[in-house]
Amino acid sequence: MQANELLPLVTTELDERKGENVTIIDVKNKSSVTDFMVLVTATSERHGQALANYVVIKAKEQGIKALGVEGEQGSDWVLVDLGDIVLHIMTVAARELYQLEKLWSIDVN
């Protein structure tokens, strides 16, 4: 599955599971690691863990295995590596602190 096909699957799952402020950052021309970063705000650490689990399960149903998941245990930032897409699930406090949109100096979609 290509990134352009996987991206709607990820964002739809986040939306259905009440993820807030979903932002897609196209980093194809800025990074050799991934094509897209998706940022989403979780209402709590537990919500973040659940969002990560739901996305991993949905991707697996489509034949995409997550390359890694970091920060699941009591973390305010959970990262899900799906290869062409890296998902950052953050609490409000973590998202304000790290400001990944500014770090990448991008136009947000």
PDB file of N, CA and C in Angstrom:
ATOM      1  N   MET A   1       0.845  -1.177   0.000  1.00  0.00           N
ATOM      2  CA  MET A   1       0.000   0.000   0.000  1.00  0.00           C
ATOM      3  C   MET A   1       0.894   1.245   0.000  1.00  0.00           C
ATOM      4  N   GLN A   2       0.631   2.146  -0.900  1.00  0.00           N
ATOM      5  CA  GLN A   2       1.394   3.379  -1.013  1.00  0.00           C
ATOM      6  C   GLN A   2       0.979   4.373   0.071  1.00  0.00           C
ATOM      7  N   ALA A   3       1.856   5.332   0.340  1.00  0.00           N
ATOM      8  CA  ALA A   3       1.596   6.350   1.369  1.00  0.00           C
ATOM      9  C   ALA A   3       0.304   7.101   1.087  1.00  0.00           C
ATOM     10  N   ASN A   4       0.049   7.414  -0.176  1.00  0.00           N
ATOM     11  CA  ASN A   4      -1.170   8.153  -0.519  1.00  0.00           C
ATOM     12  C   ASN A   4      -2.442   7.350  -0.269  1.00  0.00           C
ATOM     13  N   GLU A   5      -2.327   6.032  -0.229  1.00  0.00           N
ATOM     14  CA  GLU A   5      -3.466   5.178   0.098  1.00  0.00           C
ATOM     15  C   GLU A   5      -3.577   4.967   1.606  1.00  0.00           C
ATOM     16  N   LEU A   6      -2.434   4.896   2.274  1.00  0.00           N
ATOM     17  CA  LEU A   6      -2.416   4.672   3.714  1.00  0.00           C
ATOM     18  C   LEU A   6      -2.809   5.917   4.499  1.00  0.00           C
ATOM     19  N   LEU A   7      -2.471   7.067   3.978  1.00  0.00           N
ATOM     20  CA  LEU A   7      -2.742   8.328   4.674  1.00  0.00           C
ATOM     21  C   LEU A   7      -4.227   8.515   5.002  1.00  0.00           C
ATOM     22  N   PRO A   8      -5.146   8.327   4.054  1.00  0.00           N
ATOM     23  CA  PRO A   8      -6.572   8.470   4.393  1.00  0.00           C
ATOM     24  C   PRO A   8      -7.038   7.437   5.426  1.00  0.00           C
ATOM     25  N   LEU A   9      -6.484   6.243   5.370  1.00  0.00           N
ATOM     26  CA  LEU A   9      -6.838   5.213   6.342  1.00  0.00           C
ATOM     27  C   LEU A   9      -6.459   5.672   7.755  1.00  0.00           C
ATOM     28  N   VAL A  10      -5.258   6.220   7.907  1.00  0.00           N
ATOM     29  CA  VAL A  10      -4.778   6.679   9.209  1.00  0.00           C
ATOM     30  C   VAL A  10      -5.602   7.854   9.700  1.00  0.00           C
ATOM     31  N   THR A  11      -5.795   8.854   8.843  1.00  0.00           N
ATOM     32  CA  THR A  11      -6.513  10.053   9.291  1.00  0.00           C
ATOM     33  C   THR A  11      -7.985   9.766   9.581  1.00  0.00           C
ATOM     34  N   THR A  12      -8.587   8.879   8.809  1.00  0.00           N
ATOM     35  CA  THR A  12      -9.979   8.502   9.072  1.00  0.00           C
ATOM     36  C   THR A  12     -10.100   7.802  10.421  1.00  0.00           C
ATOM     37  N   GLU A  13      -9.186   6.892  10.703  1.00  0.00           N
ATOM     38  CA  GLU A  13      -9.212   6.172  11.983  1.00  0.00           C
ATOM     39  C   GLU A  13      -9.031   7.148  13.145  1.00  0.00           C
ATOM     40  N   LEU A  14      -8.113   8.092  13.004  1.00  0.00           N
ATOM     41  CA  LEU A  14      -7.899   9.090  14.062  1.00  0.00           C
ATOM     42  C   LEU A  14      -9.143   9.937  14.271  1.00  0.00           C
ATOM     43  N   ASP A  15      -9.781  10.323  13.179  1.00  0.00           N
ATOM     44  CA  ASP A  15     -10.994  11.133  13.271  1.00  0.00           C
ATOM     45  C   ASP A  15     -12.128  10.358  13.936  1.00  0.00           C
ATOM     46  N   GLU A  16     -12.303   9.100  13.533  1.00  0.00           N
ATOM     47  CA  GLU A  16     -13.371   8.273  14.102  1.00  0.00           C
ATOM     48  C   GLU A  16     -13.156   7.998  15.591  1.00  0.00           C
ATOM     49  N   ARG A  17     -11.899   7.996  16.015  1.00  0.00           N
ATOM     50  CA  ARG A  17     -11.564   7.698  17.409  1.00  0.00           C
ATOM     51  C   ARG A  17     -11.347   8.966  18.237  1.00  0.00           C
ATOM     52  N   LYS A  18     -11.839  10.090  17.706  1.00  0.00           N
ATOM     53  CA  LYS A  18     -11.840  11.376  18.428  1.00  0.00           C
ATOM     54  C   LYS A  18     -10.469  11.992  18.646  1.00  0.00           C
ATOM     55  N   GLY A  19      -9.522  11.709  17.745  1.00  0.00           N
ATOM     56  CA  GLY A  19      -8.253  12.427  17.772  1.00  0.00           C
ATOM     57  C   GLY A  19      -8.519  13.872  17.372  1.00  0.00           C
ATOM     58  N   GLU A  20      -7.801  14.798  17.958  1.00  0.00           N
ATOM     59  CA  GLU A  20      -8.045  16.219  17.715  1.00  0.00           C
ATOM     60  C   GLU A  20      -6.896  16.849  16.945  1.00  0.00           C
ATOM     61  N   ASN A  21      -7.224  17.871  16.166  1.00  0.00           N
ATOM     62  CA  ASN A  21      -6.240  18.694  15.476  1.00  0.00           C
ATOM     63  C   ASN A  21      -5.254  17.847  14.662  1.00  0.00           C
ATOM     64  N   VAL A  22      -5.784  17.035  13.773  1.00  0.00           N
ATOM     65  CA  VAL A  22      -4.947  16.191  12.911  1.00  0.00           C
ATOM     66  C   VAL A  22      -4.242  17.079  11.892  1.00  0.00           C
ATOM     67  N   THR A  23      -2.919  16.954  11.834  1.00  0.00           N
ATOM     68  CA  THR A  23      -2.111  17.743  10.906  1.00  0.00           C
ATOM     69  C   THR A  23      -1.227  16.798  10.103  1.00  0.00           C
ATOM     70  N   ILE A  24      -1.211  17.002   8.803  1.00  0.00           N
ATOM     71  CA  ILE A  24      -0.386  16.195   7.905  1.00  0.00           C
ATOM     72  C   ILE A  24       0.775  17.057   7.422  1.00  0.00           C
ATOM     73  N   ILE A  25       1.987  16.558   7.597  1.00  0.00           N
ATOM     74  CA  ILE A  25       3.173  17.270   7.158  1.00  0.00           C
ATOM     75  C   ILE A  25       3.856  16.436   6.077  1.00  0.00           C
ATOM     76  N   ASP A  26       3.956  16.998   4.892  1.00  0.00           N
ATOM     77  CA  ASP A  26       4.624  16.334   3.778  1.00  0.00           C
ATOM     78  C   ASP A  26       6.123  16.622   3.910  1.00  0.00           C
ATOM     79  N   VAL A  27       6.906  15.580   4.190  1.00  0.00           N
ATOM     80  CA  VAL A  27       8.354  15.751   4.386  1.00  0.00           C
ATOM     81  C   VAL A  27       9.165  15.006   3.326  1.00  0.00           C
ATOM     82  N   LYS A  28       8.531  14.670   2.210  1.00  0.00           N
ATOM     83  CA  LYS A  28       9.227  13.934   1.156  1.00  0.00           C
ATOM     84  C   LYS A  28      10.505  14.638   0.710  1.00  0.00           C
ATOM     85  N   ASN A  29      10.460  15.954   0.602  1.00  0.00           N
ATOM     86  CA  ASN A  29      11.621  16.713   0.137  1.00  0.00           C
ATOM     87  C   ASN A  29      12.521  17.180   1.276  1.00  0.00           C
ATOM     88  N   LYS A  30      12.179  16.796   2.518  1.00  0.00           N
ATOM     89  CA  LYS A  30      12.954  17.241   3.674  1.00  0.00           C
ATOM     90  C   LYS A  30      13.560  16.098   4.467  1.00  0.00           C
ATOM     91  N   SER A  31      13.123  14.884   4.207  1.00  0.00           N
ATOM     92  CA  SER A  31      13.580  13.744   4.996  1.00  0.00           C
ATOM     93  C   SER A  31      13.657  12.495   4.122  1.00  0.00           C
ATOM     94  N   SER A  32      14.665  11.683   4.376  1.00  0.00           N
ATOM     95  CA  SER A  32      14.768  10.410   3.670  1.00  0.00           C
ATOM     96  C   SER A  32      14.173   9.276   4.507  1.00  0.00           C
ATOM     97  N   VAL A  33      13.702   9.617   5.689  1.00  0.00           N
ATOM     98  CA  VAL A  33      13.179   8.613   6.621  1.00  0.00           C
ATOM     99  C   VAL A  33      11.733   8.256   6.321  1.00  0.00           C
ATOM    100  N   THR A  34      10.927   9.241   5.959  1.00  0.00           N
ATOM    101  CA  THR A  34       9.501   9.018   5.745  1.00  0.00           C
ATOM    102  C   THR A  34       8.967  10.035   4.752  1.00  0.00           C
ATOM    103  N   ASP A  35       7.774   9.801   4.240  1.00  0.00           N
ATOM    104  CA  ASP A  35       7.140  10.739   3.311  1.00  0.00           C
ATOM    105  C   ASP A  35       6.220  11.727   4.023  1.00  0.00           C
ATOM    106  N   PHE A  36       5.491  11.224   5.034  1.00  0.00           N
ATOM    107  CA  PHE A  36       4.531  12.064   5.753  1.00  0.00           C
ATOM    108  C   PHE A  36       4.674  11.868   7.247  1.00  0.00           C
ATOM    109  N   MET A  37       4.493  12.962   7.963  1.00  0.00           N
ATOM    110  CA  MET A  37       4.316  12.891   9.406  1.00  0.00           C
ATOM    111  C   MET A  37       2.889  13.334   9.680  1.00  0.00           C
ATOM    112  N   VAL A  38       2.215  12.586  10.514  1.00  0.00           N
ATOM    113  CA  VAL A  38       0.864  12.934  10.921  1.00  0.00           C
ATOM    114  C   VAL A  38       0.914  13.220  12.406  1.00  0.00           C
ATOM    115  N   LEU A  39       0.419  14.388  12.790  1.00  0.00           N
ATOM    116  CA  LEU A  39       0.357  14.768  14.198  1.00  0.00           C
ATOM    117  C   LEU A  39      -1.097  14.799  14.617  1.00  0.00           C
ATOM    118  N   VAL A  40      -1.353  14.316  15.814  1.00  0.00           N
ATOM    119  CA  VAL A  40      -2.711  14.339  16.346  1.00  0.00           C
ATOM    120  C   VAL A  40      -2.634  14.560  17.856  1.00  0.00           C
ATOM    121  N   THR A  41      -3.604  15.282  18.370  1.00  0.00           N
ATOM    122  CA  THR A  41      -3.670  15.534  19.801  1.00  0.00           C
ATOM    123  C   THR A  41      -4.637  14.549  20.445  1.00  0.00           C
ATOM    124  N   ALA A  42      -4.174  13.905  21.508  1.00  0.00           N
ATOM    125  CA  ALA A  42      -4.999  12.997  22.299  1.00  0.00           C
ATOM    126  C   ALA A  42      -5.460  13.740  23.550  1.00  0.00           C
ATOM    127  N   THR A  43      -6.626  13.396  24.040  1.00  0.00           N
ATOM    128  CA  THR A  43      -7.174  14.079  25.205  1.00  0.00           C
ATOM    129  C   THR A  43      -6.515  13.641  26.511  1.00  0.00           C
ATOM    130  N   SER A  44      -5.799  12.512  26.474  1.00  0.00           N
ATOM    131  CA  SER A  44      -5.097  12.005  27.658  1.00  0.00           C
ATOM    132  C   SER A  44      -4.052  10.989  27.204  1.00  0.00           C
ATOM    133  N   GLU A  45      -3.202  10.571  28.124  1.00  0.00           N
ATOM    134  CA  GLU A  45      -2.214   9.544  27.793  1.00  0.00           C
ATOM    135  C   GLU A  45      -2.903   8.248  27.387  1.00  0.00           C
ATOM    136  N   ARG A  46      -3.950   7.896  28.093  1.00  0.00           N
ATOM    137  CA  ARG A  46      -4.686   6.663  27.782  1.00  0.00           C
ATOM    138  C   ARG A  46      -5.328   6.745  26.393  1.00  0.00           C
ATOM    139  N   HIS A  47      -5.882   7.911  26.072  1.00  0.00           N
ATOM    140  CA  HIS A  47      -6.464   8.116  24.755  1.00  0.00           C
ATOM    141  C   HIS A  47      -5.390   7.971  23.679  1.00  0.00           C
ATOM    142  N   GLY A  48      -4.197   8.498  23.943  1.00  0.00           N
ATOM    143  CA  GLY A  48      -3.084   8.369  23.000  1.00  0.00           C
ATOM    144  C   GLY A  48      -2.711   6.922  22.751  1.00  0.00           C
ATOM    145  N   GLN A  49      -2.668   6.142  23.807  1.00  0.00           N
ATOM    146  CA  GLN A  49      -2.360   4.718  23.672  1.00  0.00           C
ATOM    147  C   GLN A  49      -3.421   4.017  22.836  1.00  0.00           C
ATOM    148  N   ALA A  50      -4.691   4.370  23.088  1.00  0.00           N
ATOM    149  CA  ALA A  50      -5.787   3.760  22.340  1.00  0.00           C
ATOM    150  C   ALA A  50      -5.728   4.137  20.866  1.00  0.00           C
ATOM    151  N   LEU A  51      -5.457   5.409  20.579  1.00  0.00           N
ATOM    152  CA  LEU A  51      -5.346   5.838  19.180  1.00  0.00           C
ATOM    153  C   LEU A  51      -4.260   5.047  18.462  1.00  0.00           C
ATOM    154  N   ALA A  52      -3.106   4.896  19.105  1.00  0.00           N
ATOM    155  CA  ALA A  52      -2.006   4.128  18.510  1.00  0.00           C
ATOM    156  C   ALA A  52      -2.442   2.694  18.241  1.00  0.00           C
ATOM    157  N   ASN A  53      -3.084   2.072  19.201  1.00  0.00           N
ATOM    158  CA  ASN A  53      -3.530   0.683  19.038  1.00  0.00           C
ATOM    159  C   ASN A  53      -4.512   0.547  17.885  1.00  0.00           C
ATOM    160  N   TYR A  54      -5.485   1.465  17.801  1.00  0.00           N
ATOM    161  CA  TYR A  54      -6.482   1.392  16.736  1.00  0.00           C
ATOM    162  C   TYR A  54      -5.840   1.561  15.356  1.00  0.00           C
ATOM    163  N   VAL A  55      -4.905   2.484  15.229  1.00  0.00           N
ATOM    164  CA  VAL A  55      -4.241   2.695  13.933  1.00  0.00           C
ATOM    165  C   VAL A  55      -3.411   1.472  13.552  1.00  0.00           C
ATOM    166  N   VAL A  56      -2.683   0.906  14.506  1.00  0.00           N
ATOM    167  CA  VAL A  56      -1.873  -0.284  14.240  1.00  0.00           C
ATOM    168  C   VAL A  56      -2.765  -1.438  13.788  1.00  0.00           C
ATOM    169  N   ILE A  57      -3.884  -1.632  14.451  1.00  0.00           N
ATOM    170  CA  ILE A  57      -4.817  -2.714  14.090  1.00  0.00           C
ATOM    171  C   ILE A  57      -5.394  -2.474  12.701  1.00  0.00           C
ATOM    172  N   LYS A  58      -5.823  -1.246  12.416  1.00  0.00           N
ATOM    173  CA  LYS A  58      -6.417  -0.932  11.108  1.00  0.00           C
ATOM    174  C   LYS A  58      -5.398  -1.123   9.992  1.00  0.00           C
ATOM    175  N   ALA A  59      -4.165  -0.691  10.225  1.00  0.00           N
ATOM    176  CA  ALA A  59      -3.112  -0.879   9.221  1.00  0.00           C
ATOM    177  C   ALA A  59      -2.843  -2.361   8.994  1.00  0.00           C
ATOM    178  N   LYS A  60      -2.806  -3.129  10.084  1.00  0.00           N
ATOM    179  CA  LYS A  60      -2.555  -4.569   9.975  1.00  0.00           C
ATOM    180  C   LYS A  60      -3.650  -5.258   9.161  1.00  0.00           C
ATOM    181  N   GLU A  61      -4.891  -4.807   9.320  1.00  0.00           N
ATOM    182  CA  GLU A  61      -5.997  -5.358   8.536  1.00  0.00           C
ATOM    183  C   GLU A  61      -5.782  -5.142   7.041  1.00  0.00           C
ATOM    184  N   GLN A  62      -5.031  -4.104   6.693  1.00  0.00           N
ATOM    185  CA  GLN A  62      -4.737  -3.798   5.292  1.00  0.00           C
ATOM    186  C   GLN A  62      -3.393  -4.365   4.843  1.00  0.00           C
ATOM    187  N   GLY A  63      -2.780  -5.177   5.696  1.00  0.00           N
ATOM    188  CA  GLY A  63      -1.515  -5.817   5.339  1.00  0.00           C
ATOM    189  C   GLY A  63      -0.283  -4.986   5.625  1.00  0.00           C
ATOM    190  N   ILE A  64      -0.420  -3.915   6.391  1.00  0.00           N
ATOM    191  CA  ILE A  64       0.707  -3.045   6.744  1.00  0.00           C
ATOM    192  C   ILE A  64       1.077  -3.292   8.200  1.00  0.00           C
ATOM    193  N   LYS A  65       2.292  -3.730   8.418  1.00  0.00           N
ATOM    194  CA  LYS A  65       2.758  -3.963   9.779  1.00  0.00           C
ATOM    195  C   LYS A  65       3.529  -2.732  10.255  1.00  0.00           C
ATOM    196  N   ALA A  66       3.189  -2.260  11.445  1.00  0.00           N
ATOM    197  CA  ALA A  66       3.920  -1.135  12.027  1.00  0.00           C
ATOM    198  C   ALA A  66       5.366  -1.554  12.255  1.00  0.00           C
ATOM    199  N   LEU A  67       6.294  -0.692  11.847  1.00  0.00           N
ATOM    200  CA  LEU A  67       7.717  -0.983  12.030  1.00  0.00           C
ATOM    201  C   LEU A  67       8.124  -0.797  13.487  1.00  0.00           C
ATOM    202  N   GLY A  68       7.363   0.006  14.191  1.00  0.00           N
ATOM    203  CA  GLY A  68       7.655   0.229  15.601  1.00  0.00           C
ATOM    204  C   GLY A  68       6.639   1.148  16.240  1.00  0.00           C
ATOM    205  N   VAL A  69       6.496   0.993  17.550  1.00  0.00           N
ATOM    206  CA  VAL A  69       5.641   1.867  18.354  1.00  0.00           C
ATOM    207  C   VAL A  69       6.443   2.226  19.587  1.00  0.00           C
ATOM    208  N   GLU A  70       6.582   3.505  19.847  1.00  0.00           N
ATOM    209  CA  GLU A  70       7.361   3.979  20.990  1.00  0.00           C
ATOM    210  C   GLU A  70       6.497   4.853  21.890  1.00  0.00           C
ATOM    211  N   GLY A  71       6.712   4.747  23.191  1.00  0.00           N
ATOM    212  CA  GLY A  71       6.069   5.635  24.139  1.00  0.00           C
ATOM    213  C   GLY A  71       4.701   5.210  24.607  1.00  0.00           C
ATOM    214  N   GLU A  72       4.371   3.958  24.502  1.00  0.00           N
ATOM    215  CA  GLU A  72       3.031   3.512  24.889  1.00  0.00           C
ATOM    216  C   GLU A  72       2.775   3.565  26.391  1.00  0.00           C
ATOM    217  N   GLN A  73       3.731   3.221  27.200  1.00  0.00           N
ATOM    218  CA  GLN A  73       3.523   3.092  28.642  1.00  0.00           C
ATOM    219  C   GLN A  73       3.577   4.447  29.343  1.00  0.00           C
ATOM    220  N   GLY A  74       2.427   5.024  29.655  1.00  0.00           N
ATOM    221  CA  GLY A  74       2.363   6.248  30.432  1.00  0.00           C
ATOM    222  C   GLY A  74       3.088   7.424  29.823  1.00  0.00           C
ATOM    223  N   SER A  75       3.016   7.572  28.526  1.00  0.00           N
ATOM    224  CA  SER A  75       3.745   8.634  27.846  1.00  0.00           C
ATOM    225  C   SER A  75       2.773   9.653  27.268  1.00  0.00           C
ATOM    226  N   ASP A  76       3.218  10.904  27.223  1.00  0.00           N
ATOM    227  CA  ASP A  76       2.394  11.941  26.610  1.00  0.00           C
ATOM    228  C   ASP A  76       2.692  12.096  25.123  1.00  0.00           C
ATOM    229  N   TRP A  77       3.560  11.220  24.587  1.00  0.00           N
ATOM    230  CA  TRP A  77       3.893  11.238  23.154  1.00  0.00           C
ATOM    231  C   TRP A  77       4.089   9.798  22.708  1.00  0.00           C
ATOM    232  N   VAL A  78       3.239   9.339  21.813  1.00  0.00           N
ATOM    233  CA  VAL A  78       3.346   7.992  21.252  1.00  0.00           C
ATOM    234  C   VAL A  78       3.660   8.135  19.773  1.00  0.00           C
ATOM    235  N   LEU A  79       4.669   7.418  19.325  1.00  0.00           N
ATOM    236  CA  LEU A  79       5.080   7.456  17.928  1.00  0.00           C
ATOM    237  C   LEU A  79       4.796   6.097  17.298  1.00  0.00           C
ATOM    238  N   VAL A  80       4.141   6.112  16.149  1.00  0.00           N
ATOM    239  CA  VAL A  80       3.858   4.892  15.399  1.00  0.00           C
ATOM    240  C   VAL A  80       4.537   5.021  14.042  1.00  0.00           C
ATOM    241  N   ASP A  81       5.479   4.119  13.752  1.00  0.00           N
ATOM    242  CA  ASP A  81       6.212   4.132  12.488  1.00  0.00           C
ATOM    243  C   ASP A  81       5.566   3.143  11.530  1.00  0.00           C
ATOM    244  N   LEU A  82       4.949   3.687  10.487  1.00  0.00           N
ATOM    245  CA  LEU A  82       4.320   2.862   9.464  1.00  0.00           C
ATOM    246  C   LEU A  82       5.118   2.901   8.163  1.00  0.00           C
ATOM    247  N   GLY A  83       6.380   3.277   8.260  1.00  0.00           N
ATOM    248  CA  GLY A  83       7.237   3.347   7.076  1.00  0.00           C
ATOM    249  C   GLY A  83       7.102   4.692   6.395  1.00  0.00           C
ATOM    250  N   ASP A  84       6.242   4.763   5.395  1.00  0.00           N
ATOM    251  CA  ASP A  84       6.047   6.009   4.652  1.00  0.00           C
ATOM    252  C   ASP A  84       5.302   7.070   5.462  1.00  0.00           C
ATOM    253  N   ILE A  85       4.718   6.652   6.579  1.00  0.00           N
ATOM    254  CA  ILE A  85       4.003   7.573   7.460  1.00  0.00           C
ATOM    255  C   ILE A  85       4.483   7.345   8.884  1.00  0.00           C
ATOM    256  N   VAL A  86       4.842   8.435   9.550  1.00  0.00           N
ATOM    257  CA  VAL A  86       5.178   8.374  10.965  1.00  0.00           C
ATOM    258  C   VAL A  86       4.117   9.185  11.693  1.00  0.00           C
ATOM    259  N   LEU A  87       3.439   8.537  12.612  1.00  0.00           N
ATOM    260  CA  LEU A  87       2.342   9.136  13.364  1.00  0.00           C
ATOM    261  C   LEU A  87       2.829   9.561  14.735  1.00  0.00           C
ATOM    262  N   HIS A  88       2.601  10.829  15.067  1.00  0.00           N
ATOM    263  CA  HIS A  88       2.936  11.372  16.380  1.00  0.00           C
ATOM    264  C   HIS A  88       1.629  11.666  17.104  1.00  0.00           C
ATOM    265  N   ILE A  89       1.371  10.947  18.190  1.00  0.00           N
ATOM    266  CA  ILE A  89       0.172  11.147  18.996  1.00  0.00           C
ATOM    267  C   ILE A  89       0.626  11.805  20.292  1.00  0.00           C
ATOM    268  N   MET A  90       0.148  13.026  20.536  1.00  0.00           N
ATOM    269  CA  MET A  90       0.648  13.803  21.671  1.00  0.00           C
ATOM    270  C   MET A  90      -0.497  14.390  22.482  1.00  0.00           C
ATOM    271  N   THR A  91      -0.260  14.540  23.769  1.00  0.00           N
ATOM    272  CA  THR A  91      -1.217  15.277  24.586  1.00  0.00           C
ATOM    273  C   THR A  91      -1.079  16.759  24.234  1.00  0.00           C
ATOM    274  N   VAL A  92      -2.023  17.566  24.694  1.00  0.00           N
ATOM    275  CA  VAL A  92      -1.976  19.005  24.426  1.00  0.00           C
ATOM    276  C   VAL A  92      -0.663  19.594  24.933  1.00  0.00           C
ATOM    277  N   ALA A  93      -0.268  19.238  26.144  1.00  0.00           N
ATOM    278  CA  ALA A  93       0.956  19.790  26.741  1.00  0.00           C
ATOM    279  C   ALA A  93       2.198  19.424  25.924  1.00  0.00           C
ATOM    280  N   ALA A  94       2.289  18.177  25.495  1.00  0.00           N
ATOM    281  CA  ALA A  94       3.448  17.740  24.709  1.00  0.00           C
ATOM    282  C   ALA A  94       3.473  18.420  23.354  1.00  0.00           C
ATOM    283  N   ARG A  95       2.315  18.551  22.746  1.00  0.00           N
ATOM    284  CA  ARG A  95       2.265  19.180  21.417  1.00  0.00           C
ATOM    285  C   ARG A  95       2.676  20.648  21.492  1.00  0.00           C
ATOM    286  N   GLU A  96       2.249  21.330  22.548  1.00  0.00           N
ATOM    287  CA  GLU A  96       2.643  22.728  22.730  1.00  0.00           C
ATOM    288  C   GLU A  96       4.131  22.841  23.046  1.00  0.00           C
ATOM    289  N   LEU A  97       4.659  21.916  23.813  1.00  0.00           N
ATOM    290  CA  LEU A  97       6.063  21.955  24.200  1.00  0.00           C
ATOM    291  C   LEU A  97       6.996  21.719  23.010  1.00  0.00           C
ATOM    292  N   TYR A  98       6.741  20.688  22.220  1.00  0.00           N
ATOM    293  CA  TYR A  98       7.659  20.291  21.152  1.00  0.00           C
ATOM    294  C   TYR A  98       7.431  21.023  19.827  1.00  0.00           C
ATOM    295  N   GLN A  99       6.215  21.471  19.578  1.00  0.00           N
ATOM    296  CA  GLN A  99       5.886  22.275  18.396  1.00  0.00           C
ATOM    297  C   GLN A  99       6.530  21.734  17.112  1.00  0.00           C
ATOM    298  N   LEU A 100       6.209  20.509  16.773  1.00  0.00           N
ATOM    299  CA  LEU A 100       6.802  19.880  15.590  1.00  0.00           C
ATOM    300  C   LEU A 100       6.499  20.625  14.296  1.00  0.00           C
ATOM    301  N   GLU A 101       5.338  21.262  14.224  1.00  0.00           N
ATOM    302  CA  GLU A 101       5.019  22.030  13.010  1.00  0.00           C
ATOM    303  C   GLU A 101       6.059  23.137  12.796  1.00  0.00           C
ATOM    304  N   LYS A 102       6.428  23.818  13.856  1.00  0.00           N
ATOM    305  CA  LYS A 102       7.437  24.876  13.749  1.00  0.00           C
ATOM    306  C   LYS A 102       8.817  24.278  13.487  1.00  0.00           C
ATOM    307  N   LEU A 103       9.117  23.153  14.101  1.00  0.00           N
ATOM    308  CA  LEU A 103      10.403  22.509  13.900  1.00  0.00           C
ATOM    309  C   LEU A 103      10.647  22.221  12.423  1.00  0.00           C
ATOM    310  N   TRP A 104       9.606  21.762  11.739  1.00  0.00           N
ATOM    311  CA  TRP A 104       9.750  21.416  10.334  1.00  0.00           C
ATOM    312  C   TRP A 104       9.504  22.621   9.432  1.00  0.00           C
ATOM    313  N   SER A 105       9.124  23.766  10.001  1.00  0.00           N
ATOM    314  CA  SER A 105       8.900  25.004   9.231  1.00  0.00           C
ATOM    315  C   SER A 105       8.135  24.743   7.948  1.00  0.00           C
ATOM    316  N   ILE A 106       6.917  24.303   8.135  1.00  0.00           N
ATOM    317  CA  ILE A 106       6.146  23.840   6.994  1.00  0.00           C
ATOM    318  C   ILE A 106       4.824  24.587   6.904  1.00  0.00           C
ATOM    319  N   ASP A 107       4.180  24.398   5.767  1.00  0.00           N
ATOM    320  CA  ASP A 107       2.801  24.799   5.603  1.00  0.00           C
ATOM    321  C   ASP A 107       1.960  23.601   5.995  1.00  0.00           C
ATOM    322  N   VAL A 108       1.057  23.767   6.962  1.00  0.00           N
ATOM    323  CA  VAL A 108       0.262  22.635   7.424  1.00  0.00           C
ATOM    324  C   VAL A 108      -0.947  22.461   6.510  1.00  0.00           C
ATOM    325  N   ASN A 109      -1.346  21.182   6.317  1.00  0.00           N
ATOM    326  CA  ASN A 109      -2.506  20.855   5.492  1.00  0.00           C
ATOM    327  C   ASN A 109      -3.678  20.587   6.379  1.00  0.00           C
TER     328      ASN A 109
END
